[in-house]
Amino acid sequence: VHVVESGGGLVQPGGSLSVSCVVSGSTIRWYTMSWYRQASGQERELVAQIFSYSTITKYQESVKGRFTISRDDDKNTAYLQMNRLKPEDTAVYYCAASRPGDPTYWGQGTQVTVSS
């Protein structure tokens, strides 16, 4: 199973950015898809999750109302739409696919920088 993120970049505070995560080698519908982030010098933290076989989502408190996680099982792709971005959202964003009994599959990460 391979996980590849794309869509990061530089955006001004208050702006929007969408990152994508394509899974190959398996079907995404079996997996809970998660977005994590890791800022420089800090630990990796969970940002958002969308659970397998459902549209149930979970968010870190600091991104609630600003970020939206979604999935398109037909395209084997998960998304994270980020609005009203803040400088403290700057981090490398990682996508992960997980399900019981399997290892967690990670992407290589994509840099998101929020700066004026």
N, C-alpha and C. Protein backbone atom coordinates (compact mmCIF):
# COMPACT_ATOMS: atom_id res chain seq x y z
N VAL A 1 0.85 -1.18 0.00
CA VAL A 1 0.00 0.00 0.00
C VAL A 1 0.89 1.24 0.00
N HIS A 2 0.59 2.13 -0.91
CA HIS A 2 1.36 3.38 -1.01
C HIS A 2 0.42 4.56 -0.82
N VAL A 3 0.94 5.54 -0.11
CA VAL A 3 0.17 6.74 0.19
C VAL A 3 0.98 7.94 -0.30
N VAL A 4 0.39 8.77 -1.11
CA VAL A 4 1.11 9.92 -1.66
C VAL A 4 0.27 11.18 -1.49
N GLU A 5 0.86 12.15 -0.78
CA GLU A 5 0.18 13.44 -0.59
C GLU A 5 0.59 14.42 -1.66
N SER A 6 -0.25 15.39 -1.90
CA SER A 6 0.08 16.49 -2.80
C SER A 6 -0.76 17.71 -2.42
N GLY A 7 -0.33 18.87 -2.92
CA GLY A 7 -1.15 20.07 -2.77
C GLY A 7 -0.67 21.06 -1.75
N GLY A 8 0.42 20.78 -1.06
CA GLY A 8 0.92 21.75 -0.10
C GLY A 8 1.48 22.98 -0.80
N GLY A 9 1.87 23.97 -0.01
CA GLY A 9 2.45 25.17 -0.58
C GLY A 9 2.46 26.31 0.39
N LEU A 10 2.65 27.50 -0.16
CA LEU A 10 2.71 28.72 0.64
C LEU A 10 1.39 29.48 0.48
N VAL A 11 0.82 29.92 1.58
CA VAL A 11 -0.44 30.65 1.54
C VAL A 11 -0.39 31.74 2.60
N GLN A 12 -1.06 32.84 2.34
CA GLN A 12 -1.11 33.93 3.30
C GLN A 12 -2.09 33.62 4.42
N PRO A 13 -1.88 34.21 5.59
CA PRO A 13 -2.84 34.03 6.68
C PRO A 13 -4.25 34.42 6.23
N GLY A 14 -5.20 33.59 6.62
CA GLY A 14 -6.58 33.80 6.21
C GLY A 14 -6.94 33.12 4.92
N GLY A 15 -5.95 32.60 4.23
CA GLY A 15 -6.19 31.94 2.94
C GLY A 15 -6.61 30.50 3.09
N SER A 16 -6.77 29.83 1.94
CA SER A 16 -7.21 28.45 1.89
C SER A 16 -6.24 27.60 1.09
N LEU A 17 -6.23 26.34 1.41
CA LEU A 17 -5.39 25.38 0.70
C LEU A 17 -6.04 24.01 0.86
N SER A 18 -5.91 23.19 -0.18
CA SER A 18 -6.42 21.83 -0.11
C SER A 18 -5.27 20.86 -0.38
N VAL A 19 -5.17 19.83 0.44
CA VAL A 19 -4.19 18.79 0.22
C VAL A 19 -4.92 17.48 -0.06
N SER A 20 -4.28 16.66 -0.87
CA SER A 20 -4.88 15.39 -1.29
C SER A 20 -3.97 14.24 -0.94
N CYS A 21 -4.57 13.06 -0.87
CA CYS A 21 -3.84 11.85 -0.51
C CYS A 21 -4.39 10.71 -1.34
N VAL A 22 -3.55 10.19 -2.24
CA VAL A 22 -3.97 9.07 -3.09
C VAL A 22 -3.38 7.78 -2.55
N VAL A 23 -4.22 6.78 -2.42
CA VAL A 23 -3.79 5.47 -1.94
C VAL A 23 -3.78 4.50 -3.12
N SER A 24 -2.71 3.74 -3.24
CA SER A 24 -2.62 2.71 -4.27
C SER A 24 -2.24 1.39 -3.61
N GLY A 25 -2.60 0.30 -4.28
CA GLY A 25 -2.28 -1.01 -3.75
C GLY A 25 -3.36 -1.61 -2.89
N SER A 26 -4.39 -0.87 -2.62
CA SER A 26 -5.52 -1.36 -1.84
C SER A 26 -6.70 -0.42 -2.08
N THR A 27 -7.82 -0.75 -1.50
CA THR A 27 -8.98 0.12 -1.65
C THR A 27 -9.16 0.96 -0.40
N ILE A 28 -9.30 2.24 -0.59
CA ILE A 28 -9.33 3.20 0.51
C ILE A 28 -10.52 2.98 1.43
N ARG A 29 -11.61 2.38 0.91
CA ARG A 29 -12.82 2.25 1.71
C ARG A 29 -12.62 1.35 2.93
N TRP A 30 -11.58 0.52 2.91
CA TRP A 30 -11.29 -0.35 4.05
C TRP A 30 -10.63 0.40 5.21
N TYR A 31 -10.14 1.61 4.95
CA TYR A 31 -9.26 2.29 5.89
C TYR A 31 -9.88 3.54 6.49
N THR A 32 -9.54 3.75 7.75
CA THR A 32 -9.72 5.07 8.33
C THR A 32 -8.59 5.95 7.82
N MET A 33 -8.96 7.09 7.27
CA MET A 33 -7.96 8.02 6.72
C MET A 33 -7.76 9.17 7.69
N SER A 34 -6.50 9.47 7.92
CA SER A 34 -6.16 10.50 8.90
C SER A 34 -5.17 11.48 8.30
N TRP A 35 -5.27 12.71 8.74
CA TRP A 35 -4.26 13.72 8.46
C TRP A 35 -3.59 14.10 9.77
N TYR A 36 -2.28 14.04 9.76
CA TYR A 36 -1.46 14.48 10.88
C TYR A 36 -0.61 15.66 10.40
N ARG A 37 -0.04 16.37 11.33
CA ARG A 37 0.93 17.41 10.98
C ARG A 37 2.04 17.44 12.01
N GLN A 38 3.18 17.91 11.54
CA GLN A 38 4.35 18.02 12.42
C GLN A 38 5.04 19.33 12.11
N ALA A 39 4.99 20.23 13.06
CA ALA A 39 5.69 21.50 12.93
C ALA A 39 7.15 21.30 13.35
N SER A 40 7.99 22.19 12.90
CA SER A 40 9.41 22.09 13.20
C SER A 40 9.65 22.04 14.70
N GLY A 41 10.37 21.03 15.15
CA GLY A 41 10.70 20.92 16.56
C GLY A 41 9.59 20.40 17.45
N GLN A 42 8.49 19.99 16.84
CA GLN A 42 7.35 19.52 17.63
C GLN A 42 6.98 18.09 17.24
N GLU A 43 6.18 17.47 18.09
CA GLU A 43 5.73 16.11 17.81
C GLU A 43 4.62 16.10 16.77
N ARG A 44 4.50 14.98 16.09
CA ARG A 44 3.42 14.82 15.13
C ARG A 44 2.09 14.76 15.88
N GLU A 45 1.08 15.45 15.34
CA GLU A 45 -0.21 15.49 16.00
C GLU A 45 -1.33 15.19 15.00
N LEU A 46 -2.39 14.58 15.52
CA LEU A 46 -3.54 14.25 14.70
C LEU A 46 -4.36 15.51 14.45
N VAL A 47 -4.69 15.72 13.19
CA VAL A 47 -5.47 16.90 12.79
C VAL A 47 -6.92 16.52 12.53
N ALA A 48 -7.12 15.47 11.74
CA ALA A 48 -8.48 15.09 11.36
C ALA A 48 -8.51 13.64 10.93
N GLN A 49 -9.68 13.02 11.12
CA GLN A 49 -9.89 11.64 10.70
C GLN A 49 -11.26 11.49 10.07
N ILE A 50 -11.32 10.56 9.11
CA ILE A 50 -12.61 10.14 8.57
C ILE A 50 -12.60 8.62 8.55
N PHE A 51 -13.64 8.05 9.13
CA PHE A 51 -13.61 6.62 9.43
C PHE A 51 -14.05 5.77 8.24
N SER A 52 -13.55 4.54 8.23
CA SER A 52 -13.85 3.63 7.13
C SER A 52 -15.35 3.34 7.08
N TYR A 53 -15.84 3.13 5.88
CA TYR A 53 -17.25 2.77 5.64
C TYR A 53 -18.22 3.79 6.22
N SER A 54 -17.79 5.02 6.36
CA SER A 54 -18.68 6.03 6.92
C SER A 54 -18.20 7.41 6.54
N THR A 55 -19.01 8.39 6.92
CA THR A 55 -18.60 9.79 6.76
C THR A 55 -18.38 10.43 8.11
N ILE A 56 -18.24 9.61 9.14
CA ILE A 56 -17.98 10.13 10.48
C ILE A 56 -16.59 10.71 10.53
N THR A 57 -16.48 11.91 11.07
CA THR A 57 -15.21 12.62 11.14
C THR A 57 -14.88 13.04 12.56
N LYS A 58 -13.62 13.31 12.76
CA LYS A 58 -13.13 13.79 14.05
C LYS A 58 -12.04 14.81 13.77
N TYR A 59 -12.03 15.90 14.57
CA TYR A 59 -11.07 16.98 14.36
C TYR A 59 -10.38 17.37 15.65
N GLN A 60 -9.14 17.81 15.48
CA GLN A 60 -8.45 18.46 16.59
C GLN A 60 -9.19 19.77 16.87
N GLU A 61 -9.26 20.11 18.14
CA GLU A 61 -10.04 21.29 18.53
C GLU A 61 -9.60 22.55 17.80
N SER A 62 -8.31 22.72 17.58
CA SER A 62 -7.79 23.97 17.01
C SER A 62 -8.17 24.16 15.53
N VAL A 63 -8.65 23.10 14.87
CA VAL A 63 -8.98 23.23 13.44
C VAL A 63 -10.48 23.09 13.19
N LYS A 64 -11.24 22.80 14.22
CA LYS A 64 -12.69 22.66 14.05
C LYS A 64 -13.29 23.93 13.45
N GLY A 65 -14.13 23.75 12.45
CA GLY A 65 -14.77 24.88 11.79
C GLY A 65 -13.93 25.51 10.70
N ARG A 66 -12.66 25.12 10.61
CA ARG A 66 -11.78 25.67 9.57
C ARG A 66 -11.35 24.61 8.57
N PHE A 67 -11.11 23.39 9.04
CA PHE A 67 -10.64 22.29 8.19
C PHE A 67 -11.78 21.30 7.96
N THR A 68 -11.77 20.70 6.78
CA THR A 68 -12.75 19.66 6.46
C THR A 68 -12.04 18.49 5.81
N ILE A 69 -12.21 17.32 6.40
CA ILE A 69 -11.66 16.10 5.82
C ILE A 69 -12.77 15.40 5.04
N SER A 70 -12.40 14.81 3.92
CA SER A 70 -13.37 14.09 3.11
C SER A 70 -12.66 12.95 2.38
N ARG A 71 -13.45 12.10 1.77
CA ARG A 71 -12.87 10.99 1.04
C ARG A 71 -13.72 10.71 -0.20
N ASP A 72 -13.06 10.24 -1.24
CA ASP A 72 -13.74 9.77 -2.44
C ASP A 72 -13.24 8.35 -2.67
N ASP A 73 -14.03 7.40 -2.24
CA ASP A 73 -13.59 6.01 -2.31
C ASP A 73 -13.41 5.54 -3.74
N ASP A 74 -14.20 6.08 -4.65
CA ASP A 74 -14.07 5.68 -6.06
C ASP A 74 -12.74 6.13 -6.64
N LYS A 75 -12.21 7.23 -6.13
CA LYS A 75 -10.92 7.75 -6.61
C LYS A 75 -9.76 7.34 -5.70
N ASN A 76 -10.09 6.57 -4.64
CA ASN A 76 -9.05 6.14 -3.69
C ASN A 76 -8.29 7.33 -3.12
N THR A 77 -9.00 8.41 -2.86
CA THR A 77 -8.37 9.67 -2.47
C THR A 77 -9.06 10.26 -1.24
N ALA A 78 -8.23 10.80 -0.35
CA ALA A 78 -8.73 11.56 0.78
C ALA A 78 -8.26 13.00 0.63
N TYR A 79 -9.02 13.91 1.23
CA TYR A 79 -8.73 15.33 1.07
C TYR A 79 -8.76 16.02 2.43
N LEU A 80 -8.03 17.12 2.50
CA LEU A 80 -8.14 18.01 3.66
C LEU A 80 -8.24 19.43 3.12
N GLN A 81 -9.41 20.01 3.26
CA GLN A 81 -9.63 21.39 2.86
C GLN A 81 -9.35 22.27 4.07
N MET A 82 -8.45 23.22 3.92
CA MET A 82 -8.04 24.07 5.03
C MET A 82 -8.39 25.52 4.71
N ASN A 83 -9.26 26.09 5.52
CA ASN A 83 -9.68 27.48 5.34
C ASN A 83 -9.24 28.32 6.53
N ARG A 84 -9.23 29.62 6.34
CA ARG A 84 -8.86 30.58 7.40
C ARG A 84 -7.56 30.13 8.07
N LEU A 85 -6.58 29.87 7.24
CA LEU A 85 -5.30 29.35 7.75
C LEU A 85 -4.59 30.39 8.60
N LYS A 86 -3.87 29.87 9.59
CA LYS A 86 -3.11 30.69 10.53
C LYS A 86 -1.64 30.31 10.45
N PRO A 87 -0.76 31.21 10.85
CA PRO A 87 0.68 30.86 10.84
C PRO A 87 0.97 29.60 11.66
N GLU A 88 0.21 29.38 12.73
CA GLU A 88 0.46 28.19 13.55
C GLU A 88 0.01 26.89 12.88
N ASP A 89 -0.63 26.99 11.72
CA ASP A 89 -0.95 25.79 10.93
C ASP A 89 0.23 25.33 10.08
N THR A 90 1.29 26.12 10.07
CA THR A 90 2.48 25.75 9.30
C THR A 90 3.07 24.45 9.82
N ALA A 91 3.25 23.49 8.93
CA ALA A 91 3.75 22.17 9.31
C ALA A 91 3.89 21.31 8.06
N VAL A 92 4.51 20.17 8.23
CA VAL A 92 4.44 19.12 7.22
C VAL A 92 3.19 18.30 7.53
N TYR A 93 2.35 18.14 6.53
CA TYR A 93 1.11 17.40 6.69
C TYR A 93 1.26 16.00 6.12
N TYR A 94 0.91 15.02 6.94
CA TYR A 94 1.04 13.62 6.57
C TYR A 94 -0.34 12.96 6.50
N CYS A 95 -0.51 12.12 5.51
CA CYS A 95 -1.72 11.31 5.39
C CYS A 95 -1.40 9.90 5.87
N ALA A 96 -2.36 9.28 6.54
CA ALA A 96 -2.17 7.92 7.03
C ALA A 96 -3.44 7.10 6.77
N ALA A 97 -3.23 5.85 6.39
CA ALA A 97 -4.33 4.90 6.19
C ALA A 97 -4.18 3.79 7.22
N SER A 98 -5.24 3.53 7.97
CA SER A 98 -5.13 2.54 9.04
C SER A 98 -6.40 1.70 9.14
N ARG A 99 -6.21 0.47 9.57
CA ARG A 99 -7.33 -0.40 9.88
C ARG A 99 -6.82 -1.50 10.80
N PRO A 100 -7.68 -2.08 11.61
CA PRO A 100 -7.24 -3.11 12.55
C PRO A 100 -6.57 -4.27 11.84
N GLY A 101 -5.45 -4.70 12.38
CA GLY A 101 -4.74 -5.86 11.84
C GLY A 101 -3.70 -5.52 10.79
N ASP A 102 -3.70 -4.28 10.33
CA ASP A 102 -2.72 -3.85 9.33
C ASP A 102 -1.80 -2.82 9.95
N PRO A 103 -0.58 -2.70 9.42
CA PRO A 103 0.23 -1.56 9.84
C PRO A 103 -0.41 -0.27 9.32
N THR A 104 -0.05 0.83 9.93
CA THR A 104 -0.48 2.12 9.41
C THR A 104 0.42 2.52 8.25
N TYR A 105 -0.19 2.93 7.17
CA TYR A 105 0.56 3.34 5.98
C TYR A 105 0.63 4.85 5.93
N TRP A 106 1.85 5.36 5.79
CA TRP A 106 2.09 6.79 5.82
C TRP A 106 2.56 7.30 4.47
N GLY A 107 2.18 8.53 4.17
CA GLY A 107 2.76 9.21 3.04
C GLY A 107 4.05 9.90 3.43
N GLN A 108 4.67 10.55 2.44
CA GLN A 108 5.96 11.19 2.67
C GLN A 108 5.81 12.59 3.25
N GLY A 109 4.59 13.12 3.22
CA GLY A 109 4.33 14.44 3.76
C GLY A 109 4.37 15.53 2.71
N THR A 110 3.63 16.59 2.98
CA THR A 110 3.64 17.77 2.12
C THR A 110 3.68 19.02 2.99
N GLN A 111 4.54 19.95 2.61
CA GLN A 111 4.75 21.15 3.43
C GLN A 111 3.63 22.17 3.19
N VAL A 112 3.09 22.66 4.28
CA VAL A 112 2.13 23.77 4.24
C VAL A 112 2.73 24.91 5.05
N THR A 113 2.90 26.04 4.41
CA THR A 113 3.47 27.21 5.08
C THR A 113 2.48 28.37 4.99
N VAL A 114 2.14 28.90 6.14
CA VAL A 114 1.21 30.03 6.21
C VAL A 114 2.01 31.25 6.66
N SER A 115 2.20 32.17 5.75
CA SER A 115 3.04 33.32 6.04
C SER A 115 2.72 34.45 5.08
N SER A 116 2.89 35.68 5.59
CA SER A 116 2.70 36.84 4.73
C SER A 116 4.04 37.30 4.16
